[in-house]
Amino acid sequence: MKILIIGPSWVGDMVMSQSLYRELKSRHPNATIDVLAPAWCSPILERMPEVDQAIKMPIGHGDFSLAKRWKIGRQLAASRYTHAFILPNSAKSALIPLFAGIPVRTGWKGEMRYGLLNDLRPDRKIFQYMVERYVALAAPKSTMIDEVSLEKCLKPRLNVDSNQQAQLRQRFSLTSDREVVGLCPGAEFGPSKRWPADYYAELASSLIKTGKQIWLFGSQKDQEVTQHIRNQLPLECQSHCFDLAGQTTLVEVVDLLACCHTVVSNDSGLMHVAAAVNCHIVAIYGSSSPQYTPPLADNVITLNTDIECRPCFQRECPYGHLNCLKQLTPDQVIRQIKHQQPK
């Protein structure tokens, strides 16, 4: 088999998709797997040993560009792929494998995909979890319900570069004299996934006072939040809190998260990265649900409130109160961290 994957566009989804690649390799050990995905994905894909080649998708998310897709498809035709797996649900995502003349094109029923896919899976909602929906595509349509479950899915496992890890620790003066707890206070999806910054600050202060150090992770967009968290700490605690947001590439974050014993995170892409380097995870859910996209690690605690209006899966709170997050207190998170066992 020579396989082309049309990959997802979100960090967390890309990490979870590794479970499909691992399943394909377990079923077809000699298969080659190439992944067509946005350029930012390439470093993450290079940390997946199952992936032979990361092909950069030159068309932006949401851009139809039929002529460009035709051109890319015809270029890929020279690679003579035998199978394609299309992970996004849009019609446009299925065009390139069609134009590339790939004989078997597998994916879930989505918007107007009849004819574009010839191994069409009828209803992805027969599987509760997103990772199950990815992995099920590797199984025959007739047996996938019996063969696939969350418990059977191979977890994502990203490779860690120990040399780069050491260089990063030196660059940011990160010591190992205290156990490291990583905090990921951002969420690209929207504010309804973001636990309050003041709660993160209270959590960080408590953890530092018990002998831990805090590393703050995020993108440049999260810098205002991470700076606020650090500035809220008592002065004697600030020397044990390192704000790394916006100062690292995504693949550097992979190596730094792997240094953490525990990671406390909103439901975000970094939560899935931390899970894929086998950190202990305390995952905080607001508008979303661990019954759909849980972190796929061996030691996981998920926390959410049970108020009537959640999960709503909205980017912003429809009622404006964000009680699904505000009613989840720092004390509750601290108690759960104390229950985490040593690595």
C-alpha atoms as a PDB file:
ATOM      1  CA  MET A   1       0.000   0.000   0.000  1.00  0.00           C
ATOM      2  CA  LYS A   2       1.088   3.526  -0.749  1.00  0.00           C
ATOM      3  CA  ILE A   3      -1.108   5.833   1.295  1.00  0.00           C
ATOM      4  CA  LEU A   4      -1.888   9.545   1.069  1.00  0.00           C
ATOM      5  CA  ILE A   5      -3.573  11.105   4.096  1.00  0.00           C
ATOM      6  CA  ILE A   6      -5.422  14.401   3.754  1.00  0.00           C
ATOM      7  CA  GLY A   7      -4.704  15.685   7.242  1.00  0.00           C
ATOM      8  CA  PRO A   8      -6.680  17.955   9.576  1.00  0.00           C
ATOM      9  CA  SER A   9      -5.878  21.608  10.187  1.00  0.00           C
ATOM     10  CA  TRP A  10      -6.003  21.866  13.999  1.00  0.00           C
ATOM     11  CA  VAL A  11      -3.091  20.939  16.263  1.00  0.00           C
ATOM     12  CA  GLY A  12      -5.083  18.605  18.482  1.00  0.00           C
ATOM     13  CA  ASP A  13      -6.731  16.848  15.547  1.00  0.00           C
ATOM     14  CA  MET A  14      -3.369  16.359  13.858  1.00  0.00           C
ATOM     15  CA  VAL A  15      -1.939  14.770  17.001  1.00  0.00           C
ATOM     16  CA  MET A  16      -4.972  12.487  17.395  1.00  0.00           C
ATOM     17  CA  SER A  17      -4.710  11.452  13.752  1.00  0.00           C
ATOM     18  CA  GLN A  18      -1.468   9.621  14.599  1.00  0.00           C
ATOM     19  CA  SER A  19      -3.657   6.868  16.057  1.00  0.00           C
ATOM     20  CA  LEU A  20      -4.862   6.193  12.510  1.00  0.00           C
ATOM     21  CA  TYR A  21      -1.302   6.060  11.164  1.00  0.00           C
ATOM     22  CA  ARG A  22      -0.287   3.649  13.913  1.00  0.00           C
ATOM     23  CA  GLU A  23      -3.290   1.461  13.135  1.00  0.00           C
ATOM     24  CA  LEU A  24      -2.510   1.465   9.411  1.00  0.00           C
ATOM     25  CA  LYS A  25       1.078   0.438  10.127  1.00  0.00           C
ATOM     26  CA  SER A  26      -0.066  -2.359  12.428  1.00  0.00           C
ATOM     27  CA  ARG A  27      -2.362  -3.714   9.704  1.00  0.00           C
ATOM     28  CA  HIS A  28       0.026  -3.047   6.796  1.00  0.00           C
ATOM     29  CA  PRO A  29       3.619  -2.973   8.119  1.00  0.00           C
ATOM     30  CA  ASN A  30       5.153  -2.343   4.695  1.00  0.00           C
ATOM     31  CA  ALA A  31       2.856   0.521   3.765  1.00  0.00           C
ATOM     32  CA  THR A  32       4.229   4.004   3.150  1.00  0.00           C
ATOM     33  CA  ILE A  33       2.263   6.920   4.598  1.00  0.00           C
ATOM     34  CA  ASP A  34       2.493  10.480   3.313  1.00  0.00           C
ATOM     35  CA  VAL A  35       0.419  13.270   4.872  1.00  0.00           C
ATOM     36  CA  LEU A  36      -0.760  16.358   2.998  1.00  0.00           C
ATOM     37  CA  ALA A  37      -1.347  19.065   5.601  1.00  0.00           C
ATOM     38  CA  PRO A  38      -0.713  22.763   6.357  1.00  0.00           C
ATOM     39  CA  ALA A  39       2.937  23.783   6.605  1.00  0.00           C
ATOM     40  CA  TRP A  40       2.817  24.255  10.378  1.00  0.00           C
ATOM     41  CA  CYS A  41       2.091  20.511  10.715  1.00  0.00           C
ATOM     42  CA  SER A  42       5.372  19.386   9.167  1.00  0.00           C
ATOM     43  CA  PRO A  43       7.508  19.476  12.342  1.00  0.00           C
ATOM     44  CA  ILE A  44       4.816  17.559  14.271  1.00  0.00           C
ATOM     45  CA  LEU A  45       4.505  14.980  11.499  1.00  0.00           C
ATOM     46  CA  GLU A  46       8.281  14.524  11.520  1.00  0.00           C
ATOM     47  CA  ARG A  47       7.944  13.392  15.153  1.00  0.00           C
ATOM     48  CA  MET A  48       5.606  10.581  14.063  1.00  0.00           C
ATOM     49  CA  PRO A  49       7.698   7.541  13.065  1.00  0.00           C
ATOM     50  CA  GLU A  50       4.829   6.118  11.008  1.00  0.00           C
ATOM     51  CA  VAL A  51       4.881   9.067   8.580  1.00  0.00           C
ATOM     52  CA  ASP A  52       7.288   8.798   5.653  1.00  0.00           C
ATOM     53  CA  GLN A  53       6.749  12.267   4.221  1.00  0.00           C
ATOM     54  CA  ALA A  54       4.961  15.462   5.236  1.00  0.00           C
ATOM     55  CA  ILE A  55       3.701  17.251   2.127  1.00  0.00           C
ATOM     56  CA  LYS A  56       2.965  20.926   2.632  1.00  0.00           C
ATOM     57  CA  MET A  57      -0.508  21.987   1.559  1.00  0.00           C
ATOM     58  CA  PRO A  58      -0.119  25.339  -0.253  1.00  0.00           C
ATOM     59  CA  ILE A  59      -3.835  26.196  -0.147  1.00  0.00           C
ATOM     60  CA  GLY A  60      -5.090  27.984   2.962  1.00  0.00           C
ATOM     61  CA  HIS A  61      -7.842  26.651   5.203  1.00  0.00           C
ATOM     62  CA  GLY A  62     -11.224  27.589   3.745  1.00  0.00           C
ATOM     63  CA  ASP A  63      -9.817  28.433   0.281  1.00  0.00           C
ATOM     64  CA  PHE A  64     -11.542  26.426  -2.468  1.00  0.00           C
ATOM     65  CA  SER A  65      -9.140  27.122  -5.395  1.00  0.00           C
ATOM     66  CA  LEU A  66     -10.287  24.375  -7.757  1.00  0.00           C
ATOM     67  CA  ALA A  67      -7.502  25.040 -10.282  1.00  0.00           C
ATOM     68  CA  LYS A  68      -4.804  24.800  -7.602  1.00  0.00           C
ATOM     69  CA  ARG A  69      -6.296  21.565  -6.288  1.00  0.00           C
ATOM     70  CA  TRP A  70      -6.303  20.130  -9.806  1.00  0.00           C
ATOM     71  CA  LYS A  71      -2.641  21.062 -10.223  1.00  0.00           C
ATOM     72  CA  ILE A  72      -1.640  19.516  -6.870  1.00  0.00           C
ATOM     73  CA  GLY A  73      -3.608  16.380  -7.670  1.00  0.00           C
ATOM     74  CA  ARG A  74      -1.906  15.944 -11.039  1.00  0.00           C
ATOM     75  CA  GLN A  75       1.519  16.453  -9.418  1.00  0.00           C
ATOM     76  CA  LEU A  76       0.728  13.803  -6.794  1.00  0.00           C
ATOM     77  CA  ALA A  77      -0.449  11.391  -9.476  1.00  0.00           C
ATOM     78  CA  ALA A  78       3.211  10.705 -10.252  1.00  0.00           C
ATOM     79  CA  SER A  79       3.573   9.119  -6.795  1.00  0.00           C
ATOM     80  CA  ARG A  80       1.042   6.394  -7.727  1.00  0.00           C
ATOM     81  CA  TYR A  81      -0.725   6.225  -4.398  1.00  0.00           C
ATOM     82  CA  THR A  82      -2.991   3.203  -3.981  1.00  0.00           C
ATOM     83  CA  HIS A  83      -5.107   4.515  -1.099  1.00  0.00           C
ATOM     84  CA  ALA A  84      -6.198   7.893   0.242  1.00  0.00           C
ATOM     85  CA  PHE A  85      -7.745   8.649   3.619  1.00  0.00           C
ATOM     86  CA  ILE A  86      -9.525  11.994   3.821  1.00  0.00           C
ATOM     87  CA  LEU A  87      -9.859  13.154   7.436  1.00  0.00           C
ATOM     88  CA  PRO A  88     -11.639  16.538   7.053  1.00  0.00           C
ATOM     89  CA  ASN A  89     -15.344  16.336   6.243  1.00  0.00           C
ATOM     90  CA  SER A  90     -15.483  18.970   3.495  1.00  0.00           C
ATOM     91  CA  ALA A  91     -16.047  18.261  -0.191  1.00  0.00           C
ATOM     92  CA  LYS A  92     -12.997  20.283  -1.227  1.00  0.00           C
ATOM     93  CA  SER A  93     -10.708  18.128   0.918  1.00  0.00           C
ATOM     94  CA  ALA A  94     -11.647  15.103  -1.212  1.00  0.00           C
ATOM     95  CA  LEU A  95     -10.817  16.726  -4.558  1.00  0.00           C
ATOM     96  CA  ILE A  96      -7.028  16.290  -4.595  1.00  0.00           C
ATOM     97  CA  PRO A  97      -7.133  12.466  -4.163  1.00  0.00           C
ATOM     98  CA  LEU A  98      -9.708  12.312  -6.973  1.00  0.00           C
ATOM     99  CA  PHE A  99      -7.569  14.480  -9.259  1.00  0.00           C
ATOM    100  CA  ALA A 100      -4.529  12.358  -8.350  1.00  0.00           C
ATOM    101  CA  GLY A 101      -6.334   9.269  -9.647  1.00  0.00           C
ATOM    102  CA  ILE A 102      -5.955   7.373  -6.373  1.00  0.00           C
ATOM    103  CA  PRO A 103      -7.954   4.132  -6.784  1.00  0.00           C
ATOM    104  CA  VAL A 104      -9.288   3.766  -3.215  1.00  0.00           C
ATOM    105  CA  ARG A 105     -10.482   6.948  -1.494  1.00  0.00           C
ATOM    106  CA  THR A 106     -11.781   6.484   2.047  1.00  0.00           C
ATOM    107  CA  GLY A 107     -13.578   8.933   4.302  1.00  0.00           C
ATOM    108  CA  TRP A 108     -16.752   9.684   6.188  1.00  0.00           C
ATOM    109  CA  LYS A 109     -19.886  10.971   4.535  1.00  0.00           C
ATOM    110  CA  GLY A 110     -19.653  14.761   4.515  1.00  0.00           C
ATOM    111  CA  GLU A 111     -20.804  17.665   2.401  1.00  0.00           C
ATOM    112  CA  MET A 112     -21.499  16.479  -1.163  1.00  0.00           C
ATOM    113  CA  ARG A 113     -18.817  13.756  -1.170  1.00  0.00           C
ATOM    114  CA  TYR A 114     -20.717  11.149  -3.174  1.00  0.00           C
ATOM    115  CA  GLY A 115     -18.520  10.253  -6.137  1.00  0.00           C
ATOM    116  CA  LEU A 116     -15.504  11.978  -4.660  1.00  0.00           C
ATOM    117  CA  LEU A 117     -15.012   9.059  -2.266  1.00  0.00           C
ATOM    118  CA  ASN A 118     -15.496   5.450  -3.359  1.00  0.00           C
ATOM    119  CA  ASP A 119     -15.042   3.907   0.110  1.00  0.00           C
ATOM    120  CA  LEU A 120     -17.635   6.117   1.765  1.00  0.00           C
ATOM    121  CA  ARG A 121     -18.355   5.482   5.440  1.00  0.00           C
ATOM    122  CA  PRO A 122     -21.986   6.391   6.139  1.00  0.00           C
ATOM    123  CA  ASP A 123     -22.252   7.944   9.624  1.00  0.00           C
ATOM    124  CA  ARG A 124     -19.272   8.956  11.763  1.00  0.00           C
ATOM    125  CA  LYS A 125     -21.582   9.480  14.753  1.00  0.00           C
ATOM    126  CA  ILE A 126     -21.754   5.719  15.300  1.00  0.00           C
ATOM    127  CA  PHE A 127     -18.440   6.362  17.067  1.00  0.00           C
ATOM    128  CA  GLN A 128     -18.484   8.662  20.083  1.00  0.00           C
ATOM    129  CA  TYR A 129     -14.853   9.775  20.100  1.00  0.00           C
ATOM    130  CA  MET A 130     -13.005  11.617  17.373  1.00  0.00           C
ATOM    131  CA  VAL A 131     -10.013   9.274  17.612  1.00  0.00           C
ATOM    132  CA  GLU A 132     -12.341   6.310  17.010  1.00  0.00           C
ATOM    133  CA  ARG A 133     -13.624   8.017  13.863  1.00  0.00           C
ATOM    134  CA  TYR A 134     -10.065   8.356  12.581  1.00  0.00           C
ATOM    135  CA  VAL A 135      -9.020   4.806  13.440  1.00  0.00           C
ATOM    136  CA  ALA A 136     -12.210   3.253  12.034  1.00  0.00           C
ATOM    137  CA  LEU A 137     -11.156   4.335   8.540  1.00  0.00           C
ATOM    138  CA  ALA A 138      -8.317   1.792   8.684  1.00  0.00           C
ATOM    139  CA  ALA A 139     -10.767  -1.077   9.217  1.00  0.00           C
ATOM    140  CA  PRO A 140     -13.038  -2.591   6.547  1.00  0.00           C
ATOM    141  CA  LYS A 141     -16.420  -0.904   6.444  1.00  0.00           C
ATOM    142  CA  SER A 142     -18.200  -4.172   7.228  1.00  0.00           C
ATOM    143  CA  THR A 143     -16.266  -4.865  10.444  1.00  0.00           C
ATOM    144  CA  MET A 144     -15.230  -1.437  11.778  1.00  0.00           C
ATOM    145  CA  ILE A 145     -17.967  -1.276  14.437  1.00  0.00           C
ATOM    146  CA  ASP A 146     -16.739  -4.526  15.986  1.00  0.00           C
ATOM    147  CA  GLU A 147     -13.027  -3.796  15.600  1.00  0.00           C
ATOM    148  CA  VAL A 148     -12.739  -0.212  16.850  1.00  0.00           C
ATOM    149  CA  SER A 149     -13.178   1.212  20.336  1.00  0.00           C
ATOM    150  CA  LEU A 150     -11.444   3.872  22.414  1.00  0.00           C
ATOM    151  CA  GLU A 151      -9.767   1.195  24.527  1.00  0.00           C
ATOM    152  CA  LYS A 152      -8.318  -0.491  21.438  1.00  0.00           C
ATOM    153  CA  CYS A 153      -7.060   2.679  19.740  1.00  0.00           C
ATOM    154  CA  LEU A 154      -3.289   3.029  19.730  1.00  0.00           C
ATOM    155  CA  LYS A 155      -2.437   6.294  21.502  1.00  0.00           C
ATOM    156  CA  PRO A 156      -0.478   9.067  19.777  1.00  0.00           C
ATOM    157  CA  ARG A 157       3.207   8.966  20.724  1.00  0.00           C
ATOM    158  CA  LEU A 158       5.453  11.765  19.469  1.00  0.00           C
ATOM    159  CA  ASN A 159       9.210  11.291  19.398  1.00  0.00           C
ATOM    160  CA  VAL A 160      11.235  13.565  21.678  1.00  0.00           C
ATOM    161  CA  ASP A 161      14.596  15.025  20.621  1.00  0.00           C
ATOM    162  CA  SER A 162      16.730  14.820  23.754  1.00  0.00           C
ATOM    163  CA  ASN A 163      19.517  16.938  22.251  1.00  0.00           C
ATOM    164  CA  GLN A 164      17.154  19.769  21.361  1.00  0.00           C
ATOM    165  CA  GLN A 165      15.503  19.362  24.750  1.00  0.00           C
ATOM    166  CA  ALA A 166      18.849  19.960  26.491  1.00  0.00           C
ATOM    167  CA  GLN A 167      19.570  22.990  24.292  1.00  0.00           C
ATOM    168  CA  LEU A 168      16.170  24.478  25.091  1.00  0.00           C
ATOM    169  CA  ARG A 169      16.640  24.018  28.803  1.00  0.00           C
ATOM    170  CA  GLN A 170      19.955  25.814  28.532  1.00  0.00           C
ATOM    171  CA  ARG A 171      18.505  28.615  26.389  1.00  0.00           C
ATOM    172  CA  PHE A 172      15.736  29.379  28.878  1.00  0.00           C
ATOM    173  CA  SER A 173      17.766  28.568  32.032  1.00  0.00           C
ATOM    174  CA  LEU A 174      15.358  25.794  32.963  1.00  0.00           C
ATOM    175  CA  THR A 175      16.672  23.698  35.829  1.00  0.00           C
ATOM    176  CA  SER A 176      15.594  20.311  37.139  1.00  0.00           C
ATOM    177  CA  ASP A 177      15.894  21.137  40.840  1.00  0.00           C
ATOM    178  CA  ARG A 178      12.099  21.189  41.197  1.00  0.00           C
ATOM    179  CA  GLU A 179       9.408  18.989  39.682  1.00  0.00           C
ATOM    180  CA  VAL A 180       7.980  20.700  36.599  1.00  0.00           C
ATOM    181  CA  VAL A 181       4.280  21.417  36.157  1.00  0.00           C
ATOM    182  CA  GLY A 182       3.297  22.821  32.772  1.00  0.00           C
ATOM    183  CA  LEU A 183       0.308  25.137  32.423  1.00  0.00           C
ATOM    184  CA  CYS A 184      -1.400  25.678  29.059  1.00  0.00           C
ATOM    185  CA  PRO A 185      -3.915  28.501  29.628  1.00  0.00           C
ATOM    186  CA  GLY A 186      -4.755  29.191  25.973  1.00  0.00           C
ATOM    187  CA  ALA A 187      -7.256  27.662  23.562  1.00  0.00           C
ATOM    188  CA  GLU A 188      -7.347  28.726  19.925  1.00  0.00           C
ATOM    189  CA  PHE A 189     -11.019  27.740  19.634  1.00  0.00           C
ATOM    190  CA  GLY A 190     -12.304  30.568  21.814  1.00  0.00           C
ATOM    191  CA  PRO A 191     -12.913  31.948  25.329  1.00  0.00           C
ATOM    192  CA  SER A 192     -15.466  29.274  26.243  1.00  0.00           C
ATOM    193  CA  LYS A 193     -12.579  26.813  26.561  1.00  0.00           C
ATOM    194  CA  ARG A 194     -10.301  29.041  28.652  1.00  0.00           C
ATOM    195  CA  TRP A 195     -10.217  28.559  32.416  1.00  0.00           C
ATOM    196  CA  PRO A 196      -9.795  32.021  34.040  1.00  0.00           C
ATOM    197  CA  ALA A 197      -6.247  33.374  34.139  1.00  0.00           C
ATOM    198  CA  ASP A 198      -6.629  34.315  37.817  1.00  0.00           C
ATOM    199  CA  TYR A 199      -7.448  30.687  38.584  1.00  0.00           C
ATOM    200  CA  TYR A 200      -4.280  29.588  36.815  1.00  0.00           C
ATOM    201  CA  ALA A 201      -2.329  32.133  38.866  1.00  0.00           C
ATOM    202  CA  GLU A 202      -3.800  30.815  42.128  1.00  0.00           C
ATOM    203  CA  LEU A 203      -2.965  27.277  41.036  1.00  0.00           C
ATOM    204  CA  ALA A 204       0.609  28.248  40.103  1.00  0.00           C
ATOM    205  CA  SER A 205       1.172  30.002  43.411  1.00  0.00           C
ATOM    206  CA  SER A 206      -0.057  26.988  45.376  1.00  0.00           C
ATOM    207  CA  LEU A 207       2.111  24.556  43.416  1.00  0.00           C
ATOM    208  CA  ILE A 208       5.253  26.681  43.757  1.00  0.00           C
ATOM    209  CA  LYS A 209       4.720  26.906  47.519  1.00  0.00           C
ATOM    210  CA  THR A 210       4.681  23.099  47.655  1.00  0.00           C
ATOM    211  CA  GLY A 211       8.092  22.889  45.956  1.00  0.00           C
ATOM    212  CA  LYS A 212       7.236  22.747  42.252  1.00  0.00           C
ATOM    213  CA  GLN A 213       8.219  24.989  39.359  1.00  0.00           C
ATOM    214  CA  ILE A 214       5.828  26.242  36.683  1.00  0.00           C
ATOM    215  CA  TRP A 215       6.398  26.459  32.939  1.00  0.00           C
ATOM    216  CA  LEU A 216       3.795  28.460  30.998  1.00  0.00           C
ATOM    217  CA  PHE A 217       3.161  27.372  27.402  1.00  0.00           C
ATOM    218  CA  GLY A 218       1.306  29.013  24.536  1.00  0.00           C
ATOM    219  CA  SER A 219       1.557  30.954  21.319  1.00  0.00           C
ATOM    220  CA  GLN A 220       2.175  34.666  20.860  1.00  0.00           C
ATOM    221  CA  LYS A 221      -1.595  35.140  21.173  1.00  0.00           C
ATOM    222  CA  ASP A 222      -1.404  33.752  24.707  1.00  0.00           C
ATOM    223  CA  GLN A 223       1.374  36.036  25.933  1.00  0.00           C
ATOM    224  CA  GLU A 224      -0.969  38.562  27.541  1.00  0.00           C
ATOM    225  CA  VAL A 225      -2.573  35.774  29.568  1.00  0.00           C
ATOM    226  CA  THR A 226       0.692  34.089  30.586  1.00  0.00           C
ATOM    227  CA  GLN A 227       2.246  37.421  31.577  1.00  0.00           C
ATOM    228  CA  HIS A 228      -0.818  38.163  33.688  1.00  0.00           C
ATOM    229  CA  ILE A 229      -0.520  34.783  35.406  1.00  0.00           C
ATOM    230  CA  ARG A 230       3.138  35.325  36.278  1.00  0.00           C
ATOM    231  CA  ASN A 231       2.582  38.930  37.390  1.00  0.00           C
ATOM    232  CA  GLN A 232      -0.183  37.815  39.750  1.00  0.00           C
ATOM    233  CA  LEU A 233       2.216  35.598  41.660  1.00  0.00           C
ATOM    234  CA  PRO A 234       3.875  36.778  44.904  1.00  0.00           C
ATOM    235  CA  LEU A 235       7.354  38.106  44.152  1.00  0.00           C
ATOM    236  CA  GLU A 236       9.017  35.208  45.961  1.00  0.00           C
ATOM    237  CA  CYS A 237       7.208  32.778  43.627  1.00  0.00           C
ATOM    238  CA  GLN A 238       7.960  34.481  40.324  1.00  0.00           C
ATOM    239  CA  SER A 239      11.519  33.124  40.131  1.00  0.00           C
ATOM    240  CA  HIS A 240      10.048  29.619  39.932  1.00  0.00           C
ATOM    241  CA  CYS A 241       7.662  30.475  37.084  1.00  0.00           C
ATOM    242  CA  PHE A 242       8.976  30.515  33.505  1.00  0.00           C
ATOM    243  CA  ASP A 243       6.867  32.138  30.804  1.00  0.00           C
ATOM    244  CA  LEU A 244       7.688  30.393  27.505  1.00  0.00           C
ATOM    245  CA  ALA A 245       4.614  31.520  25.543  1.00  0.00           C
ATOM    246  CA  GLY A 246       5.447  32.887  22.119  1.00  0.00           C
ATOM    247  CA  GLN A 247       9.152  32.104  22.497  1.00  0.00           C
ATOM    248  CA  THR A 248       9.135  28.575  21.083  1.00  0.00           C
ATOM    249  CA  THR A 249       8.112  26.794  17.931  1.00  0.00           C
ATOM    250  CA  LEU A 250       5.479  24.093  18.152  1.00  0.00           C
ATOM    251  CA  VAL A 251       8.033  21.319  17.817  1.00  0.00           C
ATOM    252  CA  GLU A 252      10.153  22.890  20.569  1.00  0.00           C
ATOM    253  CA  VAL A 253       7.074  22.798  22.776  1.00  0.00           C
ATOM    254  CA  VAL A 254       6.934  19.032  22.164  1.00  0.00           C
ATOM    255  CA  ASP A 255      10.380  18.625  23.718  1.00  0.00           C
ATOM    256  CA  LEU A 256       9.707  20.993  26.612  1.00  0.00           C
ATOM    257  CA  LEU A 257       6.356  19.460  27.491  1.00  0.00           C
ATOM    258  CA  ALA A 258       8.114  16.104  27.670  1.00  0.00           C
ATOM    259  CA  CYS A 259      10.108  17.519  30.622  1.00  0.00           C
ATOM    260  CA  CYS A 260       6.926  18.102  32.630  1.00  0.00           C
ATOM    261  CA  HIS A 261       5.681  15.648  35.214  1.00  0.00           C
ATOM    262  CA  THR A 262       2.143  17.064  35.075  1.00  0.00           C
ATOM    263  CA  VAL A 263       0.422  19.379  32.611  1.00  0.00           C
ATOM    264  CA  VAL A 264      -2.727  21.325  33.464  1.00  0.00           C
ATOM    265  CA  SER A 265      -4.427  22.436  30.284  1.00  0.00           C
ATOM    266  CA  ASN A 266      -7.616  23.668  28.746  1.00  0.00           C
ATOM    267  CA  ASP A 267      -9.076  21.488  25.996  1.00  0.00           C
ATOM    268  CA  SER A 268      -6.553  22.599  23.378  1.00  0.00           C
ATOM    269  CA  GLY A 269      -3.975  21.407  20.906  1.00  0.00           C
ATOM    270  CA  LEU A 270      -1.231  21.583  23.533  1.00  0.00           C
ATOM    271  CA  MET A 271      -3.266  19.269  25.757  1.00  0.00           C
ATOM    272  CA  HIS A 272      -3.046  16.620  23.041  1.00  0.00           C
ATOM    273  CA  VAL A 273       0.669  17.295  22.489  1.00  0.00           C
ATOM    274  CA  ALA A 274       1.300  16.846  26.225  1.00  0.00           C
ATOM    275  CA  ALA A 275      -0.659  13.591  26.165  1.00  0.00           C
ATOM    276  CA  ALA A 276       1.387  12.369  23.192  1.00  0.00           C
ATOM    277  CA  VAL A 277       4.643  12.758  25.161  1.00  0.00           C
ATOM    278  CA  ASN A 278       2.998  10.839  28.034  1.00  0.00           C
ATOM    279  CA  CYS A 279       2.736  13.574  30.645  1.00  0.00           C
ATOM    280  CA  HIS A 280       0.285  13.264  33.490  1.00  0.00           C
ATOM    281  CA  ILE A 281      -2.676  15.330  32.325  1.00  0.00           C
ATOM    282  CA  VAL A 282      -5.234  17.376  34.243  1.00  0.00           C
ATOM    283  CA  ALA A 283      -7.589  18.568  31.510  1.00  0.00           C
ATOM    284  CA  ILE A 284     -10.117  21.340  32.127  1.00  0.00           C
ATOM    285  CA  TYR A 285     -13.249  21.346  29.985  1.00  0.00           C
ATOM    286  CA  GLY A 286     -15.637  24.268  29.608  1.00  0.00           C
ATOM    287  CA  SER A 287     -17.938  24.309  26.604  1.00  0.00           C
ATOM    288  CA  SER A 288     -16.481  21.098  25.156  1.00  0.00           C
ATOM    289  CA  SER A 289     -16.532  17.549  26.446  1.00  0.00           C
ATOM    290  CA  PRO A 290     -14.065  14.787  27.345  1.00  0.00           C
ATOM    291  CA  GLN A 291     -16.684  12.444  25.912  1.00  0.00           C
ATOM    292  CA  TYR A 292     -15.560  13.559  22.438  1.00  0.00           C
ATOM    293  CA  THR A 293     -11.878  14.614  22.501  1.00  0.00           C
ATOM    294  CA  PRO A 294     -10.217  13.314  25.670  1.00  0.00           C
ATOM    295  CA  PRO A 295      -6.438  13.493  26.063  1.00  0.00           C
ATOM    296  CA  LEU A 296      -4.992  10.138  24.997  1.00  0.00           C
ATOM    297  CA  ALA A 297      -2.437   9.489  27.717  1.00  0.00           C
ATOM    298  CA  ASP A 298      -1.955   6.781  30.334  1.00  0.00           C
ATOM    299  CA  ASN A 299      -2.539   9.032  33.339  1.00  0.00           C
ATOM    300  CA  VAL A 300      -5.429  11.449  32.778  1.00  0.00           C
ATOM    301  CA  ILE A 301      -7.825  13.375  34.984  1.00  0.00           C
ATOM    302  CA  THR A 302     -10.574  15.348  33.262  1.00  0.00           C
ATOM    303  CA  LEU A 303     -12.490  18.052  35.108  1.00  0.00           C
ATOM    304  CA  ASN A 304     -15.712  19.802  34.219  1.00  0.00           C
ATOM    305  CA  THR A 305     -18.748  21.257  35.915  1.00  0.00           C
ATOM    306  CA  ASP A 306     -22.161  19.674  35.483  1.00  0.00           C
ATOM    307  CA  ILE A 307     -24.198  22.802  34.930  1.00  0.00           C
ATOM    308  CA  GLU A 308     -27.233  22.377  32.739  1.00  0.00           C
ATOM    309  CA  CYS A 309     -26.026  24.321  29.689  1.00  0.00           C
ATOM    310  CA  ARG A 310     -22.788  22.423  29.064  1.00  0.00           C
ATOM    311  CA  PRO A 311     -21.407  21.104  26.835  1.00  0.00           C
ATOM    312  CA  CYS A 312     -22.609  23.640  24.286  1.00  0.00           C
ATOM    313  CA  PHE A 313     -19.497  23.473  22.023  1.00  0.00           C
ATOM    314  CA  GLN A 314     -19.751  27.224  21.387  1.00  0.00           C
ATOM    315  CA  ARG A 315     -16.724  29.487  20.991  1.00  0.00           C
ATOM    316  CA  GLU A 316     -18.260  32.072  23.323  1.00  0.00           C
ATOM    317  CA  CYS A 317     -20.689  31.537  26.177  1.00  0.00           C
ATOM    318  CA  PRO A 318     -24.241  31.991  24.809  1.00  0.00           C
ATOM    319  CA  TYR A 319     -25.312  33.331  28.221  1.00  0.00           C
ATOM    320  CA  GLY A 320     -22.273  35.476  28.893  1.00  0.00           C
ATOM    321  CA  HIS A 321     -21.516  34.007  32.323  1.00  0.00           C
ATOM    322  CA  LEU A 322     -18.898  31.280  31.594  1.00  0.00           C
ATOM    323  CA  ASN A 323     -20.086  29.431  34.688  1.00  0.00           C
ATOM    324  CA  CYS A 324     -18.949  26.125  33.205  1.00  0.00           C
ATOM    325  CA  LEU A 325     -15.409  27.412  33.819  1.00  0.00           C
ATOM    326  CA  LYS A 326     -15.837  29.811  36.735  1.00  0.00           C
ATOM    327  CA  GLN A 327     -17.517  27.205  38.940  1.00  0.00           C
ATOM    328  CA  LEU A 328     -14.512  24.903  38.562  1.00  0.00           C
ATOM    329  CA  THR A 329     -12.274  26.247  41.332  1.00  0.00           C
ATOM    330  CA  PRO A 330      -8.484  26.115  41.735  1.00  0.00           C
ATOM    331  CA  ASP A 331      -8.925  24.031  44.899  1.00  0.00           C
ATOM    332  CA  GLN A 332     -10.585  21.292  42.869  1.00  0.00           C
ATOM    333  CA  VAL A 333      -7.659  21.212  40.443  1.00  0.00           C
ATOM    334  CA  ILE A 334      -5.076  21.257  43.241  1.00  0.00           C
ATOM    335  CA  ARG A 335      -6.722  18.256  44.889  1.00  0.00           C
ATOM    336  CA  GLN A 336      -6.548  16.309  41.651  1.00  0.00           C
ATOM    337  CA  ILE A 337      -2.870  17.099  41.095  1.00  0.00           C
ATOM    338  CA  LYS A 338      -2.098  15.717  44.545  1.00  0.00           C
ATOM    339  CA  HIS A 339      -3.616  12.424  43.401  1.00  0.00           C
ATOM    340  CA  GLN A 340      -1.269  12.139  40.407  1.00  0.00           C
ATOM    341  CA  GLN A 341       1.270   9.360  40.851  1.00  0.00           C
ATOM    342  CA  PRO A 342       5.004   9.751  40.049  1.00  0.00           C
ATOM    343  CA  LYS A 343       6.060   8.970  36.498  1.00  0.00           C
END
